[in-house]
Amino acid sequence: MSYINNVKFSINIPVYNASKFINNTLDSIKNQTYKNYEVIVTNDGSTDDTEKLLEKYKRSNPEFPLDFATQKNSGVSIARNNGISRASGNYIAFLDQDDWWFPYKLERVAEILKRNINIDVLYHEAVLVGWKKGNSFLKLGALKDPIFLDLLFNGSKIGISTAVVKLDKLVDVGGFSLKYVYSEDYDLWLRLAKKGVNFYYIPEFLSKYILLESSESNKVENMTKEKLEIFEYNFRVIVTEAEYDNKYLYKKYKRGKSIILFGASRRFYFLNDYKKAMDYSIQAIKTDQGFWKSYIGLILSYLKIKLHINTKNKKLYKD
C-alpha cells in the first residue's frame, strides 16, 4: 500500500442562479473538519444575485479560501472545466450548487487517499432530500470489474457531488465533454474507466443530494436522452473493438438500455408524473422483456393513474 502526506482538495462548484442554495452549500464546506482545501466557484452567467452573494460570503469569511470567477452563460461542462483549469490541489472534489456535505466528508476521504495513492476516482453514498416528500438514500454500490462494462451496462453509480478525482487524471482525458449538459458526468466516468483508472467506493453516506421537483421533469427527459446517446456511442465502440463475444454484448445491450429507460420511469414516478413513468416502463419492457423491474414500474404507475381517476370522479360526483 502506498502513502501520501499531502491531500489537497480543489472543490469544484459550477453555479447558475444559485441564490437560494449557495450559502448553505458553502457553509457545508466551511464546516468541514478537514481544512486543506480551496473552493473554486464558476458563476455561469447567473441572472439573479448569485455573484453578489458570493462577494458577500467572501467578505464575511475572509479566512475561507473562496475563489470565484464569472463567465458568460456557457453550460455546466465549460463551468466545471473552468474550475479544473484554476485548481491547485491534487484532487478535485465535485459539488453541485444545491447539494451539501456532512462535516466529516473530506476528513474521511482524505484518510483513505492518504493510505492509498493509487486511487484515482473515489465516490460514496448520498442522502436524497425531498425524494417522495422526505429523505431517502442513494445507494450507489461498488463497481465490478471490468468497470467500464459495469458503468455502461448497469448505469452510472457515481453521483457528481460524491466524487473525488485526481486532477492529473481529469486533465489526461480532457475534462468534461462539451457535447453534454445533463449527463456529462456519466460520459466522464466512462472515459476515465476506458483509460483504466482505479475506482474506489466508500459505503458511507457523506453528502446530501437535493431534489428540486419544479425543474426535475424536463431534466429527466433530457438526461435520459443524453444517457442513451452516450450508451449507444460506447456500445458501438466496444463492438468495433471485437474484444467480447457479440452474442454476449447484444444481450447486455438490451438490459443496459432497459435500465436507463426504467431509471427515467422511476424518477417520473417519484415526481408524481405517472403517465410518463408508465410510458418509460413500457419502453423498457419493449427493449428487454426479461427485465422484471419494468413490469413492476408499469403496474405501480397504472394503479396510481387509476387511483387518481377514481378520486377525481368521486369528487365530481360529490360536487
Protein backbone atom coordinates (compact mmCIF):
# COMPACT_ATOMS: atom_id res chain seq x y z
CA MET A 1 0.00 0.00 0.00
CA SER A 2 1.33 3.43 -0.95
CA TYR A 3 1.07 6.53 1.20
CA ILE A 4 0.74 10.26 0.51
CA ASN A 5 1.12 13.01 3.09
CA ASN A 6 -0.44 15.92 1.22
CA VAL A 7 -4.06 15.65 0.14
CA LYS A 8 -5.34 19.00 -1.00
CA PHE A 9 -8.86 19.23 -2.40
CA SER A 10 -9.90 21.73 -5.05
CA ILE A 11 -13.67 21.87 -4.54
CA ASN A 12 -15.27 22.48 -7.93
CA ILE A 13 -18.71 24.18 -7.87
CA PRO A 14 -20.43 25.41 -11.05
CA VAL A 15 -23.31 27.79 -10.25
CA TYR A 16 -26.19 29.29 -12.19
CA ASN A 17 -28.92 31.31 -10.45
CA ALA A 18 -27.92 29.70 -7.17
CA SER A 19 -29.02 32.44 -4.77
CA LYS A 20 -31.41 30.11 -2.89
CA PHE A 21 -28.77 27.49 -2.20
CA ILE A 22 -25.23 28.79 -2.39
CA ASN A 23 -24.85 29.96 1.24
CA ASN A 24 -25.89 26.57 2.62
CA THR A 25 -23.62 24.78 0.17
CA LEU A 26 -20.62 26.94 1.10
CA ASP A 27 -21.42 26.58 4.81
CA SER A 28 -21.26 22.80 4.44
CA ILE A 29 -17.69 23.25 3.16
CA LYS A 30 -16.72 25.79 5.81
CA ASN A 31 -17.87 23.32 8.48
CA GLN A 32 -15.59 20.54 7.23
CA THR A 33 -13.30 19.09 9.88
CA TYR A 34 -10.55 18.69 7.25
CA LYS A 35 -9.22 22.10 6.22
CA ASN A 36 -6.69 21.51 3.42
CA TYR A 37 -8.85 22.68 0.54
CA GLU A 38 -9.65 25.53 -1.81
CA VAL A 39 -13.12 26.39 -3.10
CA ILE A 40 -13.35 27.15 -6.81
CA VAL A 41 -16.72 28.51 -7.90
CA THR A 42 -17.55 29.29 -11.53
CA ASN A 43 -20.58 31.52 -11.97
CA ASP A 44 -22.08 30.55 -15.32
CA GLY A 45 -23.63 33.92 -16.22
CA SER A 46 -26.28 33.96 -13.49
CA THR A 47 -29.10 36.48 -13.90
CA ASP A 48 -30.01 36.61 -10.21
CA ASP A 49 -27.88 37.95 -7.34
CA THR A 50 -25.60 34.88 -7.11
CA GLU A 51 -22.47 36.95 -7.80
CA LYS A 52 -23.37 39.48 -5.09
CA LEU A 53 -23.94 36.67 -2.59
CA LEU A 54 -20.56 35.16 -3.44
CA GLU A 55 -18.87 38.53 -2.95
CA LYS A 56 -20.67 38.99 0.37
CA TYR A 57 -19.73 35.50 1.53
CA LYS A 58 -16.08 36.14 0.70
CA ARG A 59 -16.10 39.44 2.63
CA SER A 60 -17.87 37.91 5.61
CA ASN A 61 -15.50 34.92 5.75
CA PRO A 62 -12.01 36.31 5.00
CA GLU A 63 -10.28 33.09 6.09
CA PHE A 64 -12.42 30.94 3.80
CA PRO A 65 -10.37 30.05 0.65
CA LEU A 66 -13.04 31.03 -1.89
CA ASP A 67 -12.02 31.79 -5.46
CA PHE A 68 -14.88 32.60 -7.80
CA ALA A 69 -14.97 33.76 -11.39
CA THR A 70 -17.86 34.69 -13.66
CA GLN A 71 -18.12 33.52 -17.26
CA LYS A 72 -20.80 34.17 -19.85
CA ASN A 73 -23.55 31.57 -19.77
CA SER A 74 -21.91 28.59 -21.50
CA GLY A 75 -23.21 25.50 -19.71
CA VAL A 76 -22.17 23.31 -16.82
CA SER A 77 -19.41 21.41 -18.64
CA ILE A 78 -17.50 24.56 -19.54
CA ALA A 79 -18.05 25.85 -16.00
CA ARG A 80 -16.64 22.64 -14.48
CA ASN A 81 -13.67 22.73 -16.89
CA ASN A 82 -13.08 26.37 -15.96
CA GLY A 83 -12.80 25.30 -12.34
CA ILE A 84 -10.48 22.42 -13.18
CA SER A 85 -8.14 24.81 -15.03
CA ARG A 86 -7.85 27.01 -11.91
CA ALA A 87 -7.23 24.17 -9.45
CA SER A 88 -4.04 23.89 -7.42
CA GLY A 89 -4.97 20.81 -5.38
CA ASN A 90 -4.05 17.25 -6.33
CA TYR A 91 -7.67 16.10 -6.06
CA ILE A 92 -10.86 17.64 -7.45
CA ALA A 93 -13.91 17.24 -5.21
CA PHE A 94 -17.09 17.98 -7.14
CA LEU A 95 -20.08 19.65 -5.51
CA ASP A 96 -23.23 20.96 -7.16
CA GLN A 97 -24.68 24.31 -6.12
CA ASP A 98 -27.69 22.87 -4.29
CA ASP A 99 -26.01 19.87 -2.66
CA TRP A 100 -24.48 19.59 0.80
CA TRP A 101 -21.69 17.66 2.56
CA PHE A 102 -21.65 16.25 6.06
CA PRO A 103 -18.87 17.90 8.14
CA TYR A 104 -16.63 14.80 8.18
CA LYS A 105 -16.82 14.10 4.42
CA LEU A 106 -13.39 15.48 3.41
CA GLU A 107 -11.68 14.09 6.50
CA ARG A 108 -12.99 10.61 5.76
CA VAL A 109 -11.97 10.81 2.11
CA ALA A 110 -8.53 12.22 2.95
CA GLU A 111 -7.88 9.35 5.40
CA ILE A 112 -8.44 6.84 2.61
CA LEU A 113 -6.49 8.73 -0.05
CA LYS A 114 -3.52 9.18 2.28
CA ARG A 115 -3.33 5.42 2.72
CA ASN A 116 -3.57 4.63 -0.98
CA ILE A 117 -2.10 6.91 -3.62
CA ASN A 118 -3.29 4.52 -6.35
CA ILE A 119 -6.94 5.61 -6.00
CA ASP A 120 -7.89 7.80 -8.98
CA VAL A 121 -11.66 8.15 -8.54
CA LEU A 122 -13.37 7.89 -5.16
CA TYR A 123 -17.11 8.08 -4.52
CA HIS A 124 -19.58 7.38 -1.72
CA GLU A 125 -23.29 7.14 -0.97
CA ALA A 126 -25.67 10.09 -0.52
CA VAL A 127 -28.92 11.02 1.19
CA LEU A 128 -31.70 12.19 -1.13
CA VAL A 129 -33.59 15.16 0.31
CA GLY A 130 -37.10 15.79 -0.97
CA TRP A 131 -37.43 12.41 -2.68
CA LYS A 132 -41.03 11.25 -2.17
CA LYS A 133 -41.62 14.29 0.09
CA GLY A 134 -38.98 13.10 2.52
CA ASN A 135 -35.48 11.66 2.77
CA SER A 136 -34.28 8.55 1.02
CA PHE A 137 -30.91 7.00 0.30
CA LEU A 138 -28.87 6.91 -2.88
CA LYS A 139 -27.14 3.55 -2.54
CA LEU A 140 -24.59 3.56 -5.33
CA GLY A 141 -22.74 0.35 -4.66
CA ALA A 142 -19.26 -0.78 -5.65
CA LEU A 143 -18.34 -1.12 -9.31
CA LYS A 144 -17.36 -4.55 -10.57
CA ASP A 145 -14.56 -5.42 -12.98
CA PRO A 146 -14.36 -4.68 -15.81
CA ILE A 147 -15.51 -1.29 -14.54
CA PHE A 148 -16.13 0.17 -17.98
CA LEU A 149 -18.66 -2.56 -18.80
CA ASP A 150 -20.30 -2.26 -15.37
CA LEU A 151 -20.80 1.50 -15.87
CA LEU A 152 -22.02 1.02 -19.41
CA PHE A 153 -24.47 -1.84 -18.92
CA ASN A 154 -25.61 -1.28 -15.33
CA GLY A 155 -25.88 2.52 -15.34
CA SER A 156 -23.85 5.19 -13.58
CA LYS A 157 -23.24 4.51 -9.91
CA ILE A 158 -21.43 7.76 -9.20
CA GLY A 159 -23.25 10.93 -8.13
CA ILE A 160 -21.27 14.01 -9.10
CA SER A 161 -21.35 15.52 -5.59
CA THR A 162 -19.97 12.27 -4.15
CA ALA A 163 -16.99 12.12 -6.50
CA VAL A 164 -13.33 12.97 -5.87
CA VAL A 165 -10.94 12.60 -8.82
CA LYS A 166 -7.19 13.05 -9.22
CA LEU A 167 -6.55 16.28 -11.08
CA ASP A 168 -4.00 14.76 -13.44
CA LYS A 169 -6.47 12.03 -14.50
CA LEU A 170 -9.09 14.67 -15.34
CA VAL A 171 -6.56 16.63 -17.37
CA ASP A 172 -5.46 13.45 -19.13
CA VAL A 173 -8.98 12.79 -20.51
CA GLY A 174 -9.61 16.45 -21.34
CA GLY A 175 -12.13 17.16 -18.56
CA PHE A 176 -15.85 17.22 -19.32
CA SER A 177 -17.14 16.86 -22.86
CA LEU A 178 -18.91 19.96 -24.17
CA LYS A 179 -21.43 17.78 -26.03
CA TYR A 180 -23.42 17.02 -22.87
CA VAL A 181 -25.14 19.24 -20.32
CA TYR A 182 -27.30 16.75 -18.38
CA SER A 183 -25.23 13.55 -18.35
CA GLU A 184 -21.74 14.99 -18.69
CA ASP A 185 -20.65 13.14 -15.53
CA TYR A 186 -21.74 9.74 -16.92
CA ASP A 187 -19.70 10.39 -20.05
CA LEU A 188 -16.69 11.36 -17.91
CA TRP A 189 -16.83 8.21 -15.75
CA LEU A 190 -16.94 6.05 -18.87
CA ARG A 191 -13.95 7.81 -20.45
CA LEU A 192 -11.96 7.51 -17.22
CA ALA A 193 -12.87 3.83 -16.91
CA LYS A 194 -11.83 3.23 -20.54
CA LYS A 195 -8.43 4.64 -19.60
CA GLY A 196 -8.15 2.02 -16.86
CA VAL A 197 -8.08 4.36 -13.85
CA ASN A 198 -8.68 2.95 -10.36
CA PHE A 199 -12.13 3.49 -8.80
CA TYR A 200 -12.78 3.22 -5.06
CA TYR A 201 -16.13 3.09 -3.26
CA ILE A 202 -16.89 4.18 0.33
CA PRO A 203 -20.14 2.57 1.57
CA GLU A 204 -20.97 5.58 3.76
CA PHE A 205 -23.43 8.48 3.47
CA LEU A 206 -21.26 11.59 3.32
CA SER A 207 -23.43 14.06 1.39
CA LYS A 208 -26.96 15.19 0.64
CA TYR A 209 -28.46 15.49 -2.82
CA ILE A 210 -31.31 17.98 -3.01
CA LEU A 211 -34.11 17.03 -5.40
CA LEU A 212 -35.88 20.05 -6.90
CA GLU A 213 -39.23 18.90 -8.24
CA SER A 214 -40.06 22.13 -10.03
CA SER A 215 -37.24 21.72 -12.54
CA GLU A 216 -36.78 17.97 -12.47
CA SER A 217 -39.26 16.80 -15.14
CA ASN A 218 -37.56 18.37 -18.17
CA LYS A 219 -34.21 17.45 -16.69
CA VAL A 220 -35.17 13.76 -16.55
CA GLU A 221 -36.22 13.78 -20.22
CA ASN A 222 -33.02 15.46 -21.37
CA MET A 223 -30.80 13.43 -19.09
CA THR A 224 -32.31 10.19 -20.37
CA LYS A 225 -31.85 11.27 -23.99
CA GLU A 226 -28.19 12.07 -23.38
CA LYS A 227 -27.57 8.86 -21.43
CA LEU A 228 -28.98 6.83 -24.30
CA GLU A 229 -26.77 8.72 -26.76
CA ILE A 230 -23.67 8.09 -24.61
CA PHE A 231 -24.68 4.45 -24.17
CA GLU A 232 -25.17 3.86 -27.90
CA TYR A 233 -21.84 5.51 -28.79
CA ASN A 234 -19.82 3.49 -26.29
CA PHE A 235 -21.59 0.27 -27.25
CA ARG A 236 -20.65 0.79 -30.91
CA VAL A 237 -17.03 1.33 -29.82
CA ILE A 238 -16.75 -1.95 -27.91
CA VAL A 239 -18.46 -3.88 -30.73
CA THR A 240 -15.90 -2.46 -33.16
CA GLU A 241 -13.04 -3.41 -30.85
CA ALA A 242 -14.23 -7.04 -31.01
CA GLU A 243 -12.83 -7.89 -27.57
CA TYR A 244 -16.06 -9.56 -26.41
CA ASP A 245 -18.44 -12.06 -27.98
CA ASN A 246 -21.19 -10.29 -29.96
CA LYS A 247 -23.95 -12.54 -28.59
CA TYR A 248 -22.91 -11.59 -25.05
CA LEU A 249 -22.70 -7.89 -25.92
CA TYR A 250 -26.11 -7.68 -27.56
CA LYS A 251 -27.73 -9.43 -24.61
CA LYS A 252 -26.09 -6.90 -22.30
CA TYR A 253 -27.11 -4.11 -24.69
CA LYS A 254 -30.82 -4.83 -24.26
CA ARG A 255 -30.56 -4.92 -20.49
CA GLY A 256 -28.37 -1.81 -20.30
CA LYS A 257 -30.73 0.26 -22.44
CA SER A 258 -33.71 -1.02 -20.48
CA ILE A 259 -32.03 0.01 -17.19
CA ILE A 260 -31.66 3.59 -18.46
CA LEU A 261 -35.31 3.72 -19.55
CA PHE A 262 -36.51 2.22 -16.26
CA GLY A 263 -34.41 4.76 -14.38
CA ALA A 264 -36.38 7.52 -16.10
CA SER A 265 -39.63 5.74 -15.26
CA ARG A 266 -38.67 5.53 -11.61
CA ARG A 267 -37.78 9.23 -11.43
CA PHE A 268 -41.06 10.27 -13.05
CA TYR A 269 -42.96 8.02 -10.64
CA PHE A 270 -41.49 9.82 -7.65
CA LEU A 271 -42.23 13.15 -9.34
CA ASN A 272 -45.89 12.03 -9.47
CA ASP A 273 -45.89 12.07 -13.29
CA TYR A 274 -47.37 8.60 -13.58
CA LYS A 275 -48.20 8.87 -17.29
CA LYS A 276 -44.56 9.43 -18.23
CA ALA A 277 -43.49 6.82 -15.70
CA MET A 278 -45.77 4.32 -17.41
CA ASP A 279 -44.54 5.32 -20.88
CA TYR A 280 -40.90 4.77 -19.94
CA SER A 281 -41.68 1.44 -18.26
CA ILE A 282 -43.35 0.31 -21.50
CA GLN A 283 -40.28 1.39 -23.49
CA ALA A 284 -38.08 -0.53 -21.06
CA ILE A 285 -40.22 -3.67 -21.45
CA LYS A 286 -40.15 -3.42 -25.25
CA THR A 287 -36.36 -3.16 -25.10
CA ASP A 288 -35.85 -6.12 -22.76
CA GLN A 289 -38.88 -8.25 -21.97
CA GLY A 290 -36.93 -10.14 -19.33
CA PHE A 291 -36.26 -7.09 -17.12
CA TRP A 292 -38.76 -7.70 -14.31
CA LYS A 293 -38.40 -4.30 -12.62
CA SER A 294 -40.03 -2.61 -15.62
CA TYR A 295 -43.21 -4.65 -15.12
CA ILE A 296 -43.45 -3.57 -11.51
CA GLY A 297 -42.93 0.05 -12.58
CA LEU A 298 -45.69 -0.30 -15.16
CA ILE A 299 -48.15 -1.82 -12.69
CA LEU A 300 -47.47 0.75 -9.96
CA SER A 301 -47.82 3.67 -12.40
CA TYR A 302 -51.06 2.23 -13.80
CA LEU A 303 -52.52 1.82 -10.31
CA LYS A 304 -51.61 5.40 -9.43
CA ILE A 305 -53.32 6.68 -12.58
CA LYS A 306 -56.45 4.61 -11.82
CA LEU A 307 -56.49 5.88 -8.23
CA HIS A 308 -56.21 9.47 -9.46
CA ILE A 309 -59.09 8.97 -11.92
CA ASN A 310 -61.30 7.33 -9.30
CA THR A 311 -60.57 10.08 -6.78
CA LYS A 312 -61.35 12.73 -9.37
CA ASN A 313 -64.62 11.01 -10.35
CA LYS A 314 -65.73 10.74 -6.72
CA LYS A 315 -65.05 14.42 -6.22
CA LEU A 316 -67.06 15.31 -9.34
CA TYR A 317 -69.92 13.10 -8.16
CA LYS A 318 -69.98 14.80 -4.75
CA ASP A 319 -69.93 18.25 -6.36
